[in-house]
Each structure stands twice: as C-alpha cells, then as structure tokens.
C-alpha cells in the first residue's frame, strides 16, 4: 500500500464522520440556550444541508426523485417501528370516551385536510388532480416519528394528559388511514377521474378490506406475541429473560404478514402495540420492549433527517412562491382549522383543543408515501411534489419543534 493511500478521503468515511458529528451537535447545541429537552430534528436537517454544501460527499443517499427505493425502505422501517412504539406507550385505553377526540381527528379533520390540500394543489400549485390527491394524502397525517415530543411518555409512567393522549393515538392510526387516499391518487392517475369505473372497488378493497385486515392482523399479532412472551411456557416465560429485540422482530413479522394478505401494515403494527400492551399491563418487560424499539427509531430517524438535509438543495430546486404559500397555509390554517372543526362538541377545554389542532407535525412518513407512489407510477408533478413535501417537513420541524416544549409545559401546568 502506498503512503498516499493512508490519507485517502473516502466519501463513505466522510459521510459517517459527518453523521456522527451532526447528531452530537444537534443534541448538544440547544443546551446552550435552554434547559429543556433538545429539539434536534430541525437542526439535523439544517446541519445536513450545510454539510452537503461544504462537503458534497456528505450526500450518502441518492436523490429520492431518481432512486426512491432506499428512501422508501428506510422510512418504512422507521415508521413501522414508531407506530408500534406509539401503541405501546398507551397505559390505559379506557374509558372509551377518551377516544372521542381521536376519532374526530381521524374521521373529520384528516379528510378535511386532504380535501383542502387537494383543492390548493389544483388551484394554486397547478398540479394534476391525481397529484393533488396524492399531495393531500401525503401531507395530511400527523407523523408518528417526529411527534414524540407531544406524545405520552413511555409505558407505566401514567399521567396521560388528554392532549398528549389524543395526539399519540392520532399519530398511531392516521398513517394507515391515509393509505386509501394514496391509492385513490394512483387510481386517478391511471384511470382518470371516472368514479363510476373505480369508486365501488376502491371503497370495498382499499377502504374496507385493507383497513379491516390490518386491524385484525394487528390484534392477532399482538395477542400471539403476548402469549409467547408472558404465558407459554408458564414456568419459564420469555418475558423474564428475553431481549428487547423481540419487539422489532414481532413488528417485522406482523407487518410483513399483513402486507402479504394485502392489509395495511401501518394499521397492523399500531394495533399490535396497543394489543400487546393490554396483556400483563404492569409487567416490566413492556418498558424493555418499548425502550429497545425507541432506540432503533431514534437512530433511523437521525439518519433520515440528516439524509433529507443533504438532498434538500437538490429537492428544493423547483421551489417557487406557490409551494411556499401552500406550505404556510397547511401549517398555519388547514391543520389548525380542520383540527378545531373536528374537535367541536368534545369536552376538551379551548386551550387543549387549540394545542391538539396546532401540533400536527409533518415528517418522514410523508417521504415514505411519496416514494411509494413514485415507485408505482410516474406523476407529471413529481418534482413539484418533492419540493413541496420537503419544504413542509422543514417548516413543520422548525415551527413545531422549537415551540412544543413551551406549549406542552404550559398546558400541563395549567
């Protein structure tokens, strides 16, 4: 080996060093100005963009518009792990009236958000109808990964504030419930806007069957895993000696098997977490499972946020004032207004209702949906969709991330 080879600047090693440095800096820098939990997500994106500008080799994932598969796979893993962990966090699902705000967000606020975004996509963004529907489906759900700061704490901590409970359960379920609208965008792109030809099959297959199967598979997966962990064999249950790796193993098994029978895996893993948590609720092994999956979730999230930052200059090349307008309207008007309308009639105080309506964080789940759709079909407005989605994620992480600690503290104190 020549002497020059000892100091070869390998792009791979540069990327590894920068990822480590960015994670450390993003977690440490906020401590200089606040004693609250660090708001690392927006800093990871911004520092990733800065690293890519200074060191082009820092772009360790390809342009998602040209190679969506790596982004889809990594985002898929991060989301399903996060959804399972979100379900596991819920200490108590009763009384059932606690779910009323969640049901209203899922059944009223999310469809309103999708419709409003589709309208803006056509009217302001100049998107095709298929692209506008996809835009609504991609950006309407609250992200289960980046919404951790507004969710309830780990298992067995108790004191689940109604705001945190509602945002946690919404994040657990709305990703899967947005999928029918992703498929609707794909159907309109392929067949045109002719409801007489596809509406019935969409309602039966993409709405009815897939949601029902996802729910059933999640319940069955959680029940079977719980029996293996806590009940059989009775003398030496696995929960007494098992590793936390059983959680992601169960998630992968449940998700993969659900997708094989054409159900919504996102719904399945969330329901699995909720079901598993109901059995032996106070057992310490639940905390071990949650903490293990949370560590994986944080690691994948950090990689994805930094990767998003490194490609941000490329993805935002086609950004114009229309995208900025839609992004601002979504974060400032559509989500707060649709959330407020959805919560009308609940017994939540006005301040709690406002917090729930405002803190619908957008994040890496949107990237997964867009990659999934782009892999199946070429959209006319694909580059514009990427610019808009990247901008919304950046704005949401900055605006929500830097204010959520203050807002949640005030709500819980009052």
Protein backbone atom coordinates (compact mmCIF):
# COMPACT_ATOMS: atom_id res chain seq x y z
CA UNK A 1 0.00 0.00 0.00
CA UNK A 2 1.37 3.40 -0.95
CA UNK A 3 1.88 6.12 1.64
CA UNK A 4 -0.70 8.35 -0.10
CA UNK A 5 -3.38 5.72 0.46
CA UNK A 6 -3.16 6.20 4.24
CA UNK A 7 -4.85 9.61 3.89
CA UNK A 8 -7.38 8.80 1.19
CA UNK A 9 -10.55 10.80 1.87
CA UNK A 10 -13.16 8.11 1.34
CA UNK A 11 -16.65 9.61 0.74
CA UNK A 12 -18.10 6.80 2.82
CA UNK A 13 -15.97 7.63 5.85
CA UNK A 14 -16.60 11.34 5.39
CA UNK A 15 -20.32 10.66 5.47
CA UNK A 16 -20.03 8.52 8.62
CA UNK A 17 -18.00 11.17 10.42
CA UNK A 18 -20.43 13.92 9.44
CA UNK A 19 -23.47 11.91 10.53
CA UNK A 20 -21.93 11.36 13.95
CA UNK A 21 -20.89 15.00 14.28
CA UNK A 22 -24.32 16.29 13.25
CA UNK A 23 -26.18 14.05 15.73
CA UNK A 24 -23.91 15.19 18.57
CA UNK A 25 -24.15 18.87 17.62
CA UNK A 26 -27.92 18.79 17.09
CA UNK A 27 -28.38 17.29 20.56
CA UNK A 28 -25.82 19.50 22.31
CA UNK A 29 -26.27 22.95 20.77
CA UNK A 30 -29.79 23.58 22.16
CA UNK A 31 -28.41 23.10 25.67
CA UNK A 32 -26.56 26.36 25.27
CA UNK A 33 -29.82 28.30 25.22
CA UNK A 34 -32.38 26.14 27.05
CA UNK A 35 -32.60 23.53 29.79
CA UNK A 36 -35.49 21.76 28.10
CA UNK A 37 -35.15 18.58 26.07
CA UNK A 38 -33.11 19.30 22.92
CA UNK A 39 -35.06 19.97 19.74
CA UNK A 40 -32.77 18.03 17.46
CA UNK A 41 -34.90 17.27 14.38
CA UNK A 42 -34.78 20.67 12.62
CA UNK A 43 -31.10 21.07 13.45
CA UNK A 44 -30.30 17.70 11.90
CA UNK A 45 -31.96 18.75 8.65
CA UNK A 46 -30.27 22.16 8.59
CA UNK A 47 -26.85 20.82 9.58
CA UNK A 48 -27.21 18.09 6.97
CA UNK A 49 -27.89 20.73 4.31
CA UNK A 50 -24.88 22.72 5.46
CA UNK A 51 -22.67 19.62 5.40
CA UNK A 52 -23.74 18.81 1.85
CA UNK A 53 -22.93 22.35 0.77
CA UNK A 54 -19.45 22.24 2.32
CA UNK A 55 -18.72 18.57 1.57
CA UNK A 56 -20.60 17.21 -1.48
CA UNK A 57 -19.53 13.69 -0.42
CA UNK A 58 -21.83 14.04 2.60
CA UNK A 59 -24.81 13.08 0.42
CA UNK A 60 -24.89 9.41 1.42
CA UNK A 61 -28.33 8.63 -0.03
CA UNK A 62 -29.19 9.29 -3.69
CA UNK A 63 -31.65 11.89 -4.96
CA UNK A 64 -35.05 10.43 -3.95
CA UNK A 65 -36.59 11.56 -7.22
CA UNK A 66 -34.17 9.36 -9.14
CA UNK A 67 -33.75 6.46 -6.70
CA UNK A 68 -36.72 6.33 -4.28
CA UNK A 69 -36.23 2.72 -3.13
CA UNK A 70 -33.54 3.32 -0.42
CA UNK A 71 -35.60 6.17 0.98
CA UNK A 72 -38.77 4.10 0.91
CA UNK A 73 -37.20 1.16 2.75
CA UNK A 74 -35.54 3.24 5.49
CA UNK A 75 -38.64 5.39 6.02
CA UNK A 76 -40.85 2.32 6.08
CA UNK A 77 -38.73 0.74 8.82
CA UNK A 78 -38.68 3.95 10.86
CA UNK A 79 -42.43 4.44 10.59
CA UNK A 80 -43.47 0.89 11.50
CA UNK A 81 -41.13 0.84 14.50
CA UNK A 82 -42.51 4.23 15.59
CA UNK A 83 -46.13 3.13 15.14
CA UNK A 84 -45.59 0.04 17.27
CA UNK A 85 -43.86 2.09 19.97
CA UNK A 86 -46.69 4.63 19.88
CA UNK A 87 -49.23 1.90 20.55
CA UNK A 88 -47.07 0.50 23.35
CA UNK A 89 -46.96 3.87 25.16
CA UNK A 90 -50.66 3.96 25.95
CA UNK A 91 -51.08 2.88 29.59
CA UNK A 92 -54.88 2.84 29.56
CA UNK A 93 -57.35 2.81 26.68
CA UNK A 94 -60.40 3.28 28.90
CA UNK A 95 -62.79 4.92 29.43
CA UNK A 96 -63.70 4.75 25.76
CA UNK A 97 -64.80 8.38 25.71
CA UNK A 98 -61.08 9.27 25.81
CA UNK A 99 -61.02 8.22 22.15
CA UNK A 100 -63.70 10.68 21.04
CA UNK A 101 -61.22 13.46 20.09
CA UNK A 102 -59.04 10.91 18.30
CA UNK A 103 -61.99 9.56 16.32
CA UNK A 104 -62.99 13.09 15.33
CA UNK A 105 -59.46 13.92 14.16
CA UNK A 106 -59.34 10.75 12.08
CA UNK A 107 -62.88 10.90 10.73
CA UNK A 108 -63.33 14.66 10.27
CA UNK A 109 -60.05 16.58 10.47
CA UNK A 110 -57.96 14.33 8.25
CA UNK A 111 -60.46 14.11 5.35
CA UNK A 112 -60.94 17.89 5.57
CA UNK A 113 -57.17 18.36 5.40
CA UNK A 114 -56.85 16.05 2.39
CA UNK A 115 -59.67 17.83 0.55
CA UNK A 116 -58.28 21.29 1.33
CA UNK A 117 -54.77 20.34 0.24
CA UNK A 118 -56.06 18.78 -2.98
CA UNK A 119 -58.01 21.95 -3.70
CA UNK A 120 -54.93 24.10 -3.12
CA UNK A 121 -52.79 21.74 -5.16
CA UNK A 122 -55.02 22.21 -8.19
CA UNK A 123 -55.96 25.85 -7.64
CA UNK A 124 -52.63 27.30 -6.54
CA UNK A 125 -49.99 24.66 -7.20
CA UNK A 126 -51.08 23.85 -10.74
CA UNK A 127 -50.99 20.12 -10.01
CA UNK A 128 -52.98 17.50 -11.82
CA UNK A 129 -55.95 16.09 -9.91
CA UNK A 130 -54.08 12.86 -9.23
CA UNK A 131 -51.05 14.78 -7.99
CA UNK A 132 -53.25 16.99 -5.80
CA UNK A 133 -54.99 13.99 -4.21
CA UNK A 134 -51.61 12.42 -3.55
CA UNK A 135 -50.41 15.69 -2.03
CA UNK A 136 -53.34 15.67 0.39
CA UNK A 137 -52.79 12.03 1.34
CA UNK A 138 -49.05 12.54 1.83
CA UNK A 139 -49.25 15.66 3.99
CA UNK A 140 -52.47 15.15 5.96
CA UNK A 141 -51.32 12.59 8.55
CA UNK A 142 -49.54 13.53 11.76
CA UNK A 143 -46.11 11.94 11.76
CA UNK A 144 -45.59 9.25 14.43
CA UNK A 145 -41.82 9.67 14.33
CA UNK A 146 -41.35 13.41 14.82
CA UNK A 147 -44.43 13.82 17.03
CA UNK A 148 -42.75 12.15 20.01
CA UNK A 149 -42.43 15.46 21.86
CA UNK A 150 -46.22 15.83 22.01
CA UNK A 151 -46.99 12.20 22.82
CA UNK A 152 -47.44 10.40 26.12
CA UNK A 153 -44.37 9.08 27.90
CA UNK A 154 -43.01 5.53 27.96
CA UNK A 155 -45.09 2.64 29.35
CA UNK A 156 -46.09 2.72 33.03
CA UNK A 157 -45.34 6.41 33.57
CA UNK A 158 -49.04 7.29 33.85
CA UNK A 159 -50.40 10.85 33.90
CA UNK A 160 -51.52 10.75 30.27
CA UNK A 161 -52.74 14.27 29.63
CA UNK A 162 -55.73 14.40 27.23
CA UNK A 163 -53.74 16.48 24.73
CA UNK A 164 -50.88 14.00 24.67
CA UNK A 165 -53.24 11.01 24.59
CA UNK A 166 -55.14 12.41 21.61
CA UNK A 167 -52.04 13.33 19.62
CA UNK A 168 -50.46 9.95 20.40
CA UNK A 169 -53.44 7.88 19.30
CA UNK A 170 -53.96 10.08 16.23
CA UNK A 171 -50.35 9.57 15.18
CA UNK A 172 -50.67 5.82 15.75
CA UNK A 173 -53.64 5.39 13.44
CA UNK A 174 -53.77 8.14 10.83
CA UNK A 175 -50.80 6.93 8.79
CA UNK A 176 -52.59 3.72 7.92
CA UNK A 177 -55.89 5.53 7.37
CA UNK A 178 -54.25 7.88 4.87
CA UNK A 179 -53.27 4.98 2.65
CA UNK A 180 -56.68 4.65 0.91
CA UNK A 181 -56.20 8.20 -0.38
CA UNK A 182 -52.71 7.38 -1.64
CA UNK A 183 -54.29 4.57 -3.63
CA UNK A 184 -57.01 6.95 -4.77
CA UNK A 185 -54.35 9.24 -6.22
CA UNK A 186 -52.75 6.29 -8.02
CA UNK A 187 -56.15 5.18 -9.38
CA UNK A 188 -56.97 8.64 -10.70
CA UNK A 189 -53.53 8.89 -12.29
CA UNK A 190 -54.01 5.56 -14.05
CA UNK A 191 -57.72 5.67 -14.95
CA UNK A 192 -58.66 9.33 -14.81
CA UNK A 193 -61.43 10.92 -12.79
CA UNK A 194 -64.19 8.46 -13.62
CA UNK A 195 -65.73 7.42 -10.26
CA UNK A 196 -68.26 5.18 -11.97
CA UNK A 197 -65.44 2.88 -13.02
CA UNK A 198 -63.46 2.59 -9.79
CA UNK A 199 -65.35 4.05 -6.79
CA UNK A 200 -67.01 0.81 -5.74
CA UNK A 201 -63.85 -1.28 -5.87
CA UNK A 202 -61.88 1.47 -4.08
CA UNK A 203 -64.40 1.59 -1.23
CA UNK A 204 -64.63 -2.19 -0.90
CA UNK A 205 -60.97 -3.07 -1.41
CA UNK A 206 -58.76 -0.10 -0.45
CA UNK A 207 -61.02 1.26 2.29
CA UNK A 208 -62.97 -1.67 3.68
CA UNK A 209 -60.89 -4.81 3.17
CA UNK A 210 -57.42 -3.40 3.74
CA UNK A 211 -58.38 -1.50 6.91
CA UNK A 212 -60.27 -4.48 8.36
CA UNK A 213 -57.45 -6.92 7.60
CA UNK A 214 -54.84 -4.55 9.01
CA UNK A 215 -56.82 -4.22 12.23
CA UNK A 216 -57.43 -7.96 12.55
CA UNK A 217 -53.82 -8.90 11.80
CA UNK A 218 -52.56 -6.36 14.32
CA UNK A 219 -54.84 -7.71 17.04
CA UNK A 220 -53.86 -11.31 16.25
CA UNK A 221 -50.16 -10.44 16.11
CA UNK A 222 -50.26 -8.66 19.46
CA UNK A 223 -52.26 -11.46 21.09
CA UNK A 224 -49.98 -14.24 19.83
CA UNK A 225 -46.78 -12.38 20.74
CA UNK A 226 -48.14 -11.65 24.22
CA UNK A 227 -48.93 -15.33 24.77
CA UNK A 228 -45.43 -16.32 23.70
CA UNK A 229 -43.86 -13.68 25.93
CA UNK A 230 -45.96 -13.97 29.07
CA UNK A 231 -47.93 -17.20 29.01
CA UNK A 232 -46.14 -20.11 27.39
CA UNK A 233 -44.30 -21.93 28.77
CA UNK A 234 -45.79 -20.84 32.08
CA UNK A 235 -42.84 -21.95 34.20
CA UNK A 236 -40.22 -20.04 32.20
CA UNK A 237 -41.92 -17.20 30.31
CA UNK A 238 -39.79 -15.46 27.71
CA UNK A 239 -40.59 -12.07 29.25
CA UNK A 240 -38.41 -12.92 32.25
CA UNK A 241 -35.23 -13.45 30.24
CA UNK A 242 -35.92 -12.32 26.68
CA UNK A 243 -34.20 -9.50 24.85
CA UNK A 244 -35.83 -6.30 23.64
CA UNK A 245 -35.02 -7.42 20.08
CA UNK A 246 -38.24 -9.45 20.25
CA UNK A 247 -40.19 -6.21 19.75
CA UNK A 248 -38.82 -5.29 16.30
CA UNK A 249 -38.88 -8.99 15.38
CA UNK A 250 -42.58 -9.11 16.17
CA UNK A 251 -43.14 -5.85 14.30
CA UNK A 252 -41.46 -7.17 11.17
CA UNK A 253 -43.42 -10.44 11.35
CA UNK A 254 -46.75 -8.66 11.83
CA UNK A 255 -46.08 -6.00 9.18
CA UNK A 256 -44.76 -8.41 6.57
CA UNK A 257 -47.56 -10.94 7.02
CA UNK A 258 -50.21 -8.21 6.89
CA UNK A 259 -48.82 -6.81 3.66
CA UNK A 260 -48.75 -10.34 2.19
CA UNK A 261 -52.53 -10.59 2.62
CA UNK A 262 -52.98 -7.04 1.25
CA UNK A 263 -53.86 -5.38 4.54
CA UNK A 264 -52.49 -2.07 5.77
CA UNK A 265 -49.34 -2.92 7.70
CA UNK A 266 -49.19 0.54 9.27
CA UNK A 267 -52.53 -0.08 10.97
CA UNK A 268 -51.48 -3.60 11.94
CA UNK A 269 -48.31 -2.63 13.83
CA UNK A 270 -50.07 0.18 15.69
CA UNK A 271 -52.91 -2.14 16.75
CA UNK A 272 -50.32 -4.77 17.63
CA UNK A 273 -48.64 -2.35 20.03
CA UNK A 274 -51.97 -1.44 21.61
CA UNK A 275 -52.99 -5.12 21.95
CA UNK A 276 -49.67 -6.34 23.34
CA UNK A 277 -49.69 -3.57 25.94
CA UNK A 278 -53.09 -4.68 27.26
CA UNK A 279 -51.76 -8.07 28.38
CA UNK A 280 -49.79 -8.09 31.63
CA UNK A 281 -50.00 -4.28 31.56
CA UNK A 282 -47.75 -3.74 34.55
CA UNK A 283 -45.01 -6.16 33.58
CA UNK A 284 -41.59 -4.52 33.37
CA UNK A 285 -40.87 -6.25 30.06
CA UNK A 286 -43.18 -3.80 28.28
CA UNK A 287 -40.78 -1.00 29.17
CA UNK A 288 -37.82 -3.01 27.87
CA UNK A 289 -39.58 -3.67 24.56
CA UNK A 290 -40.52 -0.01 24.21
CA UNK A 291 -37.07 1.32 25.04
CA UNK A 292 -35.38 -1.04 22.60
CA UNK A 293 -37.66 -0.06 19.72
CA UNK A 294 -37.37 3.62 20.63
CA UNK A 295 -33.58 3.42 20.32
CA UNK A 296 -33.90 1.92 16.84
CA UNK A 297 -36.49 4.55 15.93
CA UNK A 298 -34.21 7.39 17.05
CA UNK A 299 -31.25 6.00 15.14
CA UNK A 300 -33.20 5.57 11.89
CA UNK A 301 -34.82 8.99 12.30
CA UNK A 302 -31.48 10.71 12.76
CA UNK A 303 -30.09 9.08 9.61
CA UNK A 304 -33.16 10.01 7.59
CA UNK A 305 -33.30 13.63 8.77
CA UNK A 306 -29.62 14.17 8.01
CA UNK A 307 -30.08 12.47 4.63
CA UNK A 308 -33.02 14.77 3.91
CA UNK A 309 -30.85 17.75 4.73
CA UNK A 310 -28.10 16.58 2.38
CA UNK A 311 -30.50 16.36 -0.58
CA UNK A 312 -32.51 19.45 0.39
CA UNK A 313 -30.66 21.79 -2.03
CA UNK A 314 -31.46 19.39 -4.89
CA UNK A 315 -35.07 18.73 -3.94
CA UNK A 316 -35.87 22.42 -3.46
CA UNK A 317 -34.54 23.43 -6.88
CA UNK A 318 -38.06 23.74 -8.32
CA UNK A 319 -39.46 25.53 -5.30
CA UNK A 320 -41.49 28.66 -6.08
CA UNK A 321 -43.86 31.01 -4.29
CA UNK A 322 -46.83 28.70 -4.86
CA UNK A 323 -45.19 25.91 -2.86
CA UNK A 324 -44.34 28.31 -0.08
CA UNK A 325 -47.93 29.55 0.01
CA UNK A 326 -49.36 26.03 0.19
CA UNK A 327 -46.90 25.02 2.92
CA UNK A 328 -47.71 28.07 5.04
CA UNK A 329 -51.46 27.64 4.56
CA UNK A 330 -51.24 23.95 5.55
CA UNK A 331 -49.32 24.59 8.77
CA UNK A 332 -50.97 27.84 9.81
CA UNK A 333 -54.54 27.41 8.53
CA UNK A 334 -55.55 23.96 7.26
CA UNK A 335 -54.35 21.74 10.09
CA UNK A 336 -55.37 24.11 12.94
CA UNK A 337 -58.76 24.87 11.37
CA UNK A 338 -59.63 21.29 10.41
CA UNK A 339 -58.47 20.06 13.81
CA UNK A 340 -60.57 22.70 15.58
CA UNK A 341 -63.64 21.80 13.49
CA UNK A 342 -63.10 18.11 14.17
CA UNK A 343 -62.97 18.69 17.92
CA UNK A 344 -66.15 20.78 18.09
CA UNK A 345 -68.52 19.13 20.54
CA UNK A 346 -65.88 17.49 22.69
CA UNK A 347 -65.48 18.36 26.37
CA UNK A 348 -61.87 19.49 25.93
CA UNK A 349 -61.00 23.00 27.20
CA UNK A 350 -60.34 25.56 24.47
CA UNK A 351 -56.60 25.66 25.19
CA UNK A 352 -56.30 21.86 24.89
CA UNK A 353 -58.34 21.85 21.70
CA UNK A 354 -56.12 24.53 20.22
CA UNK A 355 -52.93 22.64 21.11
CA UNK A 356 -54.23 19.43 19.52
CA UNK A 357 -55.31 21.31 16.41
CA UNK A 358 -51.98 23.09 16.00
CA UNK A 359 -49.46 20.35 16.79
CA UNK A 360 -49.98 18.02 13.87
CA UNK A 361 -46.30 17.56 13.00
CA UNK A 362 -45.42 16.59 9.43
CA UNK A 363 -42.38 14.38 8.95
CA UNK A 364 -40.68 11.41 7.39
CA UNK A 365 -43.91 9.43 6.94
CA UNK A 366 -44.69 11.83 4.10
CA UNK A 367 -41.44 10.85 2.41
CA UNK A 368 -42.44 7.18 2.54
CA UNK A 369 -45.81 7.81 0.92
CA UNK A 370 -44.25 9.86 -1.86
CA UNK A 371 -41.57 7.23 -2.53
CA UNK A 372 -44.20 4.50 -2.53
CA UNK A 373 -46.35 6.34 -5.05
CA UNK A 374 -43.39 7.33 -7.24
CA UNK A 375 -42.23 3.72 -7.41
CA UNK A 376 -45.60 2.57 -8.70
CA UNK A 377 -46.30 5.38 -11.14
CA UNK A 378 -44.70 8.37 -12.87
CA UNK A 379 -46.51 11.53 -11.80
CA UNK A 380 -46.48 14.62 -14.00
CA UNK A 381 -45.85 16.83 -10.98
CA UNK A 382 -43.40 14.60 -9.13
CA UNK A 383 -40.62 17.19 -8.80
CA UNK A 384 -43.05 19.81 -7.55
CA UNK A 385 -44.45 17.34 -5.03
CA UNK A 386 -40.97 16.64 -3.70
CA UNK A 387 -40.20 20.34 -3.35
CA UNK A 388 -43.43 20.99 -1.50
CA UNK A 389 -43.19 17.98 0.81
CA UNK A 390 -39.56 18.75 1.72
CA UNK A 391 -40.46 22.36 2.48
CA UNK A 392 -43.42 21.34 4.68
CA UNK A 393 -41.27 18.92 6.66
CA UNK A 394 -38.59 21.58 7.17
CA UNK A 395 -41.10 24.24 8.23
CA UNK A 396 -43.04 21.88 10.47
CA UNK A 397 -39.98 20.61 12.31
CA UNK A 398 -38.77 24.18 12.87
CA UNK A 399 -42.06 25.80 13.89
CA UNK A 400 -43.44 22.91 15.91
CA UNK A 401 -40.12 21.66 17.23
CA UNK A 402 -38.99 24.93 18.79
CA UNK A 403 -42.37 25.73 20.33
CA UNK A 404 -43.70 22.38 21.51
CA UNK A 405 -41.75 22.24 24.77
CA UNK A 406 -43.08 25.62 25.88
CA UNK A 407 -46.64 24.83 24.78
CA UNK A 408 -46.84 21.39 26.43
CA UNK A 409 -45.35 22.74 29.65
CA UNK A 410 -47.98 25.47 29.88
CA UNK A 411 -50.83 23.07 29.16
CA UNK A 412 -49.74 20.51 31.72
CA UNK A 413 -49.08 23.12 34.41
CA UNK A 414 -52.45 24.76 33.89
